N, C-alpha and C. Protein backbone atom coordinates (compact mmCIF):
# COMPACT_ATOMS: atom_id res chain seq x y z
N GLU A 1 98.33 86.97 102.63
CA GLU A 1 97.33 86.08 103.16
C GLU A 1 97.04 86.36 104.63
N GLU A 2 97.96 86.97 105.35
CA GLU A 2 97.70 87.26 106.75
C GLU A 2 96.66 88.36 106.91
N ASN A 3 96.43 89.16 105.87
CA ASN A 3 95.44 90.23 105.92
C ASN A 3 94.14 89.86 105.23
N MET A 4 93.90 88.55 105.06
CA MET A 4 92.70 88.11 104.36
C MET A 4 92.07 86.93 105.10
N THR A 5 90.75 86.98 105.22
CA THR A 5 90.00 85.85 105.77
C THR A 5 88.91 85.46 104.78
N VAL A 6 88.70 84.17 104.64
CA VAL A 6 87.69 83.66 103.72
C VAL A 6 86.74 82.77 104.52
N THR A 7 85.45 83.03 104.37
CA THR A 7 84.42 82.21 104.99
C THR A 7 83.55 81.65 103.89
N GLU A 8 83.41 80.32 103.85
CA GLU A 8 82.62 79.68 102.79
C GLU A 8 81.42 78.98 103.42
N ASP A 9 80.31 79.02 102.69
CA ASP A 9 79.09 78.37 103.15
C ASP A 9 78.51 77.56 101.99
N PHE A 10 78.41 76.25 102.14
CA PHE A 10 77.82 75.37 101.13
C PHE A 10 76.41 75.00 101.58
N SER A 11 75.49 75.04 100.63
CA SER A 11 74.13 74.62 100.93
C SER A 11 73.54 73.93 99.71
N ARG A 12 72.50 73.13 99.98
CA ARG A 12 71.83 72.42 98.89
C ARG A 12 70.46 73.04 98.70
N VAL A 13 70.22 73.47 97.48
CA VAL A 13 68.94 74.03 97.12
C VAL A 13 68.37 73.13 96.03
N GLU A 14 67.32 72.37 96.38
CA GLU A 14 66.72 71.36 95.51
C GLU A 14 67.79 70.40 95.02
N ASN A 15 68.06 70.36 93.72
CA ASN A 15 69.03 69.42 93.17
C ASN A 15 70.39 70.07 92.87
N THR A 16 70.60 71.26 93.39
CA THR A 16 71.87 71.93 93.12
C THR A 16 72.55 72.32 94.43
N TYR A 17 73.82 72.47 94.33
CA TYR A 17 74.60 72.95 95.47
C TYR A 17 74.94 74.41 95.23
N GLN A 18 74.90 75.14 96.30
CA GLN A 18 75.20 76.57 96.20
C GLN A 18 76.32 76.89 97.19
N MET A 19 77.25 77.70 96.74
CA MET A 19 78.34 78.12 97.62
C MET A 19 78.35 79.64 97.71
N GLU A 20 78.42 80.12 98.92
CA GLU A 20 78.60 81.55 99.15
C GLU A 20 79.91 81.72 99.89
N ALA A 21 80.66 82.70 99.47
CA ALA A 21 81.94 82.97 100.11
C ALA A 21 82.02 84.45 100.48
N GLU A 22 82.57 84.70 101.65
CA GLU A 22 82.83 86.06 102.08
C GLU A 22 84.33 86.21 102.23
N VAL A 23 84.87 87.22 101.58
CA VAL A 23 86.31 87.48 101.63
C VAL A 23 86.50 88.86 102.27
N CYS A 24 87.22 88.89 103.36
CA CYS A 24 87.55 90.14 104.04
C CYS A 24 89.05 90.38 103.90
N ILE A 25 89.40 91.54 103.37
CA ILE A 25 90.80 91.87 103.14
C ILE A 25 91.12 93.20 103.80
N ILE A 26 92.25 93.26 104.46
CA ILE A 26 92.73 94.52 105.04
C ILE A 26 93.79 95.08 104.09
N PHE A 27 93.52 96.27 103.56
CA PHE A 27 94.44 96.94 102.64
C PHE A 27 95.10 98.10 103.37
N SER A 28 96.35 98.34 103.04
CA SER A 28 97.03 99.53 103.54
C SER A 28 97.21 100.55 102.42
N ASP A 29 96.77 100.19 101.22
CA ASP A 29 96.90 101.06 100.05
C ASP A 29 95.51 101.23 99.43
N PHE A 30 94.99 102.46 99.49
CA PHE A 30 93.64 102.74 98.99
C PHE A 30 93.51 102.41 97.51
N ARG A 31 94.51 102.78 96.71
CA ARG A 31 94.46 102.54 95.26
C ARG A 31 94.39 101.04 94.97
N LYS A 32 95.17 100.26 95.69
CA LYS A 32 95.16 98.80 95.49
C LYS A 32 93.79 98.23 95.83
N MET A 33 93.17 98.74 96.89
CA MET A 33 91.83 98.29 97.26
C MET A 33 90.84 98.57 96.13
N GLN A 34 90.90 99.76 95.56
CA GLN A 34 90.01 100.10 94.45
C GLN A 34 90.25 99.18 93.26
N ASP A 35 91.52 98.93 92.95
CA ASP A 35 91.84 98.06 91.80
C ASP A 35 91.30 96.65 92.00
N VAL A 36 91.44 96.10 93.21
CA VAL A 36 90.95 94.75 93.48
C VAL A 36 89.43 94.70 93.40
N CYS A 37 88.76 95.70 93.96
CA CYS A 37 87.30 95.75 93.90
C CYS A 37 86.83 95.84 92.45
N ASN A 38 87.45 96.68 91.66
CA ASN A 38 87.08 96.82 90.24
C ASN A 38 87.30 95.52 89.48
N LEU A 39 88.40 94.83 89.77
CA LEU A 39 88.70 93.56 89.11
C LEU A 39 87.64 92.51 89.45
N LEU A 40 87.26 92.43 90.72
CA LEU A 40 86.24 91.47 91.14
C LEU A 40 84.90 91.74 90.47
N ILE A 41 84.51 92.99 90.40
CA ILE A 41 83.25 93.34 89.76
C ILE A 41 83.31 93.05 88.27
N GLU A 42 84.44 93.35 87.65
CA GLU A 42 84.61 93.09 86.22
C GLU A 42 84.53 91.60 85.91
N LYS A 43 85.19 90.77 86.71
CA LYS A 43 85.26 89.34 86.43
C LYS A 43 84.01 88.58 86.89
N LEU A 44 83.42 89.00 88.02
CA LEU A 44 82.32 88.23 88.60
C LEU A 44 80.95 88.86 88.40
N GLY A 45 80.93 90.10 87.94
CA GLY A 45 79.66 90.75 87.63
C GLY A 45 78.73 90.85 88.83
N THR A 46 77.45 90.51 88.60
CA THR A 46 76.44 90.66 89.65
C THR A 46 76.51 89.57 90.71
N SER A 47 77.34 88.57 90.50
CA SER A 47 77.45 87.51 91.50
C SER A 47 78.28 87.94 92.70
N VAL A 48 78.87 89.13 92.63
CA VAL A 48 79.68 89.64 93.73
C VAL A 48 79.06 90.93 94.26
N SER A 49 79.07 91.06 95.56
CA SER A 49 78.66 92.34 96.15
C SER A 49 79.80 92.80 97.06
N ILE A 50 80.12 94.06 96.96
CA ILE A 50 81.24 94.62 97.72
C ILE A 50 80.68 95.61 98.72
N ASN A 51 80.93 95.35 99.98
CA ASN A 51 80.47 96.25 101.04
C ASN A 51 81.35 97.49 101.07
N PRO A 52 80.80 98.59 101.56
CA PRO A 52 81.63 99.80 101.67
C PRO A 52 82.82 99.54 102.59
N PRO A 53 83.96 100.16 102.29
CA PRO A 53 85.16 99.92 103.12
C PRO A 53 85.02 100.56 104.50
N HIS A 54 85.72 99.98 105.45
CA HIS A 54 85.83 100.53 106.80
C HIS A 54 87.26 101.03 106.94
N PHE A 55 87.41 102.29 107.26
CA PHE A 55 88.74 102.88 107.39
C PHE A 55 89.12 102.99 108.86
N TYR A 56 90.36 102.66 109.15
CA TYR A 56 90.87 102.84 110.50
C TYR A 56 92.38 102.90 110.47
N HIS A 57 92.94 103.41 111.54
CA HIS A 57 94.40 103.52 111.67
C HIS A 57 94.87 102.51 112.71
N THR A 58 95.90 101.81 112.37
CA THR A 58 96.49 100.89 113.34
C THR A 58 97.29 101.72 114.35
N PRO A 59 97.52 101.19 115.53
CA PRO A 59 98.36 101.91 116.50
C PRO A 59 99.76 102.21 115.94
N GLU A 60 100.29 101.31 115.11
CA GLU A 60 101.61 101.52 114.51
C GLU A 60 101.59 102.72 113.56
N ALA A 61 100.50 102.85 112.78
CA ALA A 61 100.39 103.97 111.84
C ALA A 61 100.30 105.30 112.58
N ILE A 62 99.55 105.32 113.67
CA ILE A 62 99.43 106.55 114.47
C ILE A 62 100.79 106.89 115.10
N ASP A 63 101.52 105.89 115.56
CA ASP A 63 102.84 106.12 116.13
C ASP A 63 103.80 106.69 115.09
N THR A 64 103.73 106.16 113.87
CA THR A 64 104.57 106.67 112.78
C THR A 64 104.21 108.13 112.47
N LEU A 65 102.92 108.44 112.46
CA LEU A 65 102.47 109.82 112.22
C LEU A 65 103.04 110.74 113.29
N ARG A 66 102.99 110.34 114.54
CA ARG A 66 103.53 111.17 115.64
C ARG A 66 105.01 111.46 115.42
N ARG A 67 105.78 110.43 115.07
CA ARG A 67 107.22 110.63 114.86
C ARG A 67 107.47 111.56 113.67
N GLN A 68 106.74 111.36 112.57
CA GLN A 68 106.93 112.20 111.39
C GLN A 68 106.62 113.67 111.69
N VAL A 69 105.57 113.90 112.46
CA VAL A 69 105.18 115.27 112.80
C VAL A 69 106.26 115.92 113.65
N CYS A 70 106.82 115.18 114.60
CA CYS A 70 107.87 115.73 115.45
C CYS A 70 109.13 116.04 114.64
N VAL A 71 109.53 115.12 113.78
CA VAL A 71 110.72 115.34 112.95
C VAL A 71 110.51 116.56 112.03
N THR A 72 109.32 116.70 111.48
CA THR A 72 109.02 117.85 110.62
C THR A 72 109.07 119.15 111.42
N ALA A 73 108.55 119.13 112.64
CA ALA A 73 108.58 120.33 113.49
C ALA A 73 110.02 120.74 113.80
N VAL A 74 110.88 119.78 114.08
CA VAL A 74 112.29 120.08 114.34
C VAL A 74 112.94 120.67 113.08
N GLY A 75 112.65 120.09 111.92
CA GLY A 75 113.19 120.61 110.66
C GLY A 75 112.73 122.03 110.38
N ASN A 76 111.45 122.29 110.64
CA ASN A 76 110.92 123.65 110.45
C ASN A 76 111.59 124.65 111.39
N THR A 77 111.80 124.22 112.63
CA THR A 77 112.45 125.08 113.62
C THR A 77 113.88 125.39 113.18
N ARG A 78 114.59 124.41 112.69
CA ARG A 78 115.97 124.62 112.22
C ARG A 78 116.01 125.61 111.05
N ARG A 79 115.09 125.44 110.09
CA ARG A 79 115.05 126.35 108.93
C ARG A 79 114.76 127.79 109.37
N LYS A 80 113.84 127.96 110.29
CA LYS A 80 113.52 129.30 110.78
C LYS A 80 114.72 129.91 111.49
N ALA A 81 115.40 129.11 112.30
CA ALA A 81 116.59 129.61 113.01
C ALA A 81 117.68 129.99 112.01
N GLN A 82 117.84 129.22 110.93
CA GLN A 82 118.83 129.56 109.91
C GLN A 82 118.51 130.90 109.25
N GLU A 83 117.24 131.14 108.97
CA GLU A 83 116.83 132.41 108.36
C GLU A 83 117.13 133.58 109.28
N VAL A 84 116.86 133.43 110.58
CA VAL A 84 117.14 134.50 111.54
C VAL A 84 118.65 134.75 111.63
N CYS A 85 119.43 133.68 111.65
CA CYS A 85 120.89 133.84 111.70
C CYS A 85 121.41 134.58 110.47
N ARG A 86 120.92 134.21 109.30
CA ARG A 86 121.35 134.90 108.08
C ARG A 86 121.00 136.37 108.13
N LEU A 87 119.82 136.69 108.67
CA LEU A 87 119.39 138.08 108.78
C LEU A 87 120.36 138.91 109.61
N PHE A 88 120.96 138.29 110.63
CA PHE A 88 121.89 139.00 111.51
C PHE A 88 123.35 138.70 111.19
N GLY A 89 123.61 138.09 110.03
CA GLY A 89 124.99 137.84 109.63
C GLY A 89 125.67 136.75 110.44
N GLN A 90 124.92 135.84 110.96
CA GLN A 90 125.46 134.75 111.76
C GLN A 90 125.22 133.43 111.02
N ALA A 91 125.79 132.38 111.56
CA ALA A 91 125.58 131.04 111.01
C ALA A 91 125.05 130.13 112.11
N LEU A 92 124.14 129.26 111.74
CA LEU A 92 123.56 128.35 112.70
C LEU A 92 124.47 127.16 112.91
N GLY A 93 124.70 126.82 114.15
CA GLY A 93 125.54 125.67 114.50
C GLY A 93 124.71 124.46 114.84
N LYS A 94 125.30 123.57 115.61
CA LYS A 94 124.64 122.32 115.97
C LYS A 94 123.56 122.57 117.02
N PRO A 95 122.58 121.68 117.10
CA PRO A 95 121.56 121.85 118.14
C PRO A 95 122.14 121.51 119.51
N LEU A 96 121.81 122.34 120.49
CA LEU A 96 122.27 122.10 121.86
C LEU A 96 121.18 121.44 122.70
N LEU A 97 119.91 121.71 122.36
CA LEU A 97 118.79 121.15 123.08
C LEU A 97 117.57 121.11 122.16
N ILE A 98 116.90 119.99 122.10
CA ILE A 98 115.64 119.87 121.37
C ILE A 98 114.66 119.18 122.30
N LYS A 99 113.52 119.82 122.52
CA LYS A 99 112.53 119.26 123.44
C LYS A 99 111.14 119.35 122.81
N GLU A 100 110.45 118.22 122.82
CA GLU A 100 109.06 118.20 122.35
C GLU A 100 108.19 118.76 123.46
N GLU A 101 107.49 119.87 123.18
CA GLU A 101 106.72 120.52 124.23
C GLU A 101 105.25 120.10 124.24
N GLU A 102 104.67 119.98 123.06
CA GLU A 102 103.24 119.68 123.01
C GLU A 102 102.93 118.94 121.72
N THR A 103 102.11 117.91 121.83
CA THR A 103 101.64 117.19 120.66
C THR A 103 100.13 117.14 120.74
N LYS A 104 99.49 117.46 119.63
CA LYS A 104 98.02 117.41 119.55
C LYS A 104 97.64 116.46 118.42
N GLU A 105 96.57 115.73 118.65
CA GLU A 105 96.03 114.82 117.63
C GLU A 105 94.53 115.02 117.56
N TRP A 106 93.98 114.96 116.35
CA TRP A 106 92.54 115.05 116.19
C TRP A 106 92.13 114.34 114.92
N GLY A 107 90.83 114.09 114.82
CA GLY A 107 90.32 113.34 113.68
C GLY A 107 90.82 111.92 113.73
N GLY A 108 90.53 111.18 112.69
CA GLY A 108 91.02 109.81 112.60
C GLY A 108 90.53 108.94 113.72
N HIS A 109 90.07 107.78 113.38
CA HIS A 109 89.55 106.88 114.38
C HIS A 109 90.34 105.59 114.36
N ILE A 110 90.90 105.23 115.48
CA ILE A 110 91.51 103.92 115.61
C ILE A 110 90.37 102.93 115.75
N ASP A 111 90.38 101.91 114.93
CA ASP A 111 89.32 100.90 114.91
C ASP A 111 87.95 101.52 114.64
N SER A 112 87.87 102.43 113.69
CA SER A 112 86.59 103.06 113.37
C SER A 112 85.63 102.08 112.71
N HIS A 113 86.11 100.90 112.33
CA HIS A 113 85.22 99.93 111.72
C HIS A 113 84.17 99.42 112.71
N LEU A 114 84.28 99.81 113.97
CA LEU A 114 83.28 99.42 114.95
C LEU A 114 82.11 100.38 114.98
N SER A 115 82.22 101.50 114.28
CA SER A 115 81.16 102.50 114.29
C SER A 115 79.95 102.00 113.51
N HIS A 116 78.76 102.14 114.09
CA HIS A 116 77.54 101.62 113.46
C HIS A 116 76.92 102.62 112.50
N SER A 117 77.10 103.91 112.70
CA SER A 117 76.49 104.91 111.84
C SER A 117 77.27 105.14 110.55
N ALA A 118 78.40 104.48 110.39
CA ALA A 118 79.26 104.70 109.22
C ALA A 118 78.59 104.25 107.92
N ASP A 119 77.62 103.33 108.00
CA ASP A 119 76.99 102.82 106.78
C ASP A 119 76.25 103.90 106.00
N SER A 120 75.80 104.95 106.66
CA SER A 120 75.03 105.99 105.98
C SER A 120 75.91 107.09 105.38
N LEU A 121 77.21 107.02 105.59
CA LEU A 121 78.12 108.06 105.10
C LEU A 121 78.60 107.75 103.68
N THR A 122 78.92 108.81 102.93
CA THR A 122 79.51 108.64 101.60
C THR A 122 80.97 108.23 101.76
N LEU A 123 81.58 107.76 100.68
CA LEU A 123 82.98 107.36 100.72
C LEU A 123 83.87 108.53 101.14
N GLN A 124 83.60 109.72 100.58
CA GLN A 124 84.40 110.90 100.94
C GLN A 124 84.25 111.24 102.42
N GLU A 125 83.04 111.10 102.97
CA GLU A 125 82.83 111.38 104.38
C GLU A 125 83.55 110.35 105.25
N ARG A 126 83.54 109.10 104.81
CA ARG A 126 84.26 108.06 105.55
C ARG A 126 85.76 108.36 105.59
N ILE A 127 86.30 108.75 104.45
CA ILE A 127 87.73 109.07 104.38
C ILE A 127 88.04 110.27 105.26
N GLN A 128 87.18 111.29 105.18
CA GLN A 128 87.40 112.49 105.99
C GLN A 128 87.33 112.16 107.49
N ASN A 129 86.37 111.35 107.89
CA ASN A 129 86.24 110.98 109.30
C ASN A 129 87.42 110.15 109.78
N ALA A 130 88.02 109.38 108.90
CA ALA A 130 89.12 108.49 109.29
C ALA A 130 90.49 109.15 109.15
N THR A 131 90.54 110.36 108.60
CA THR A 131 91.82 111.04 108.41
C THR A 131 92.33 111.55 109.77
N ALA A 132 93.56 111.21 110.07
CA ALA A 132 94.17 111.61 111.34
C ALA A 132 95.07 112.82 111.12
N TYR A 133 95.01 113.75 112.04
CA TYR A 133 95.83 114.95 112.00
C TYR A 133 96.64 115.02 113.30
N ALA A 134 97.81 115.60 113.20
CA ALA A 134 98.64 115.77 114.38
C ALA A 134 99.48 117.03 114.22
N SER A 135 99.78 117.67 115.34
CA SER A 135 100.69 118.80 115.33
C SER A 135 101.64 118.64 116.52
N CYS A 136 102.79 119.25 116.39
CA CYS A 136 103.80 119.13 117.43
C CYS A 136 104.50 120.47 117.59
N ARG A 137 104.68 120.88 118.83
CA ARG A 137 105.40 122.11 119.13
C ARG A 137 106.70 121.70 119.81
N VAL A 138 107.80 122.20 119.28
CA VAL A 138 109.10 121.86 119.84
C VAL A 138 109.83 123.12 120.31
N PHE A 139 110.74 122.92 121.24
CA PHE A 139 111.62 123.97 121.73
C PHE A 139 113.03 123.53 121.37
N ALA A 140 113.77 124.42 120.71
CA ALA A 140 115.12 124.05 120.29
C ALA A 140 116.09 125.19 120.57
N VAL A 141 117.28 124.81 120.99
CA VAL A 141 118.36 125.76 121.21
C VAL A 141 119.51 125.33 120.31
N PHE A 142 119.99 126.29 119.49
CA PHE A 142 121.07 125.99 118.56
C PHE A 142 122.28 126.85 118.89
N GLU A 143 123.43 126.33 118.57
CA GLU A 143 124.67 127.09 118.66
C GLU A 143 124.66 128.12 117.53
N ILE A 144 125.12 129.34 117.83
CA ILE A 144 125.20 130.38 116.80
C ILE A 144 126.67 130.73 116.61
N LYS A 145 127.09 130.73 115.34
CA LYS A 145 128.49 131.03 115.01
C LYS A 145 128.55 132.34 114.26
N GLY A 146 129.56 133.12 114.58
CA GLY A 146 129.76 134.36 113.85
C GLY A 146 130.35 134.07 112.48
N LYS A 147 130.17 134.98 111.54
CA LYS A 147 130.68 134.80 110.18
C LYS A 147 132.21 134.69 110.16
N GLU A 148 132.87 135.44 111.04
CA GLU A 148 134.34 135.38 111.04
C GLU A 148 134.84 134.01 111.47
N ASN A 149 134.12 133.34 112.36
CA ASN A 149 134.50 131.99 112.77
C ASN A 149 134.36 131.02 111.60
N MET A 150 133.34 131.22 110.79
CA MET A 150 133.10 130.34 109.65
C MET A 150 134.21 130.49 108.61
N ARG A 151 134.69 131.72 108.39
CA ARG A 151 135.73 131.96 107.39
C ARG A 151 137.04 131.29 107.79
N THR A 152 137.41 131.37 109.05
CA THR A 152 138.68 130.79 109.47
C THR A 152 138.62 129.27 109.39
N LYS A 153 137.47 128.69 109.62
CA LYS A 153 137.36 127.23 109.55
C LYS A 153 137.42 126.75 108.09
N VAL A 154 136.91 127.54 107.16
CA VAL A 154 136.93 127.16 105.76
C VAL A 154 138.36 127.23 105.20
N LEU A 155 139.11 128.23 105.61
CA LEU A 155 140.48 128.39 105.11
C LEU A 155 141.36 127.40 105.73
């Protein structure tokens, strides 16, 4: 209910009363939004009109994306370092230093629902315009262990 607002308008037309309601819902799940829209159209028919969705990213979602990209970059760096160590008969040890060097973000609009030209776009174009991308470059230094050190520790 915290992500939903309802506005009702009652009016009298001749001898009948008419009610119009506007329901605005914020969804974080695209599939759920589609299911709810389909259900409303199925149950209410032509008495309901559904406006095109407005896509945007909350600051929390963008922050989560930044963290995920950084963690993925560190994981990729570790895997590459492990491959190089194996190539030279060494073993990768613990990280000694990990530093985020550069983060880039593009696409995706925070609060894109304020855009006025969005009404003329197709659903796919709206999704594409609202999709956020990020990349992260990290610098990492790992301890390198010789194979003979690994054997003595195992025994």
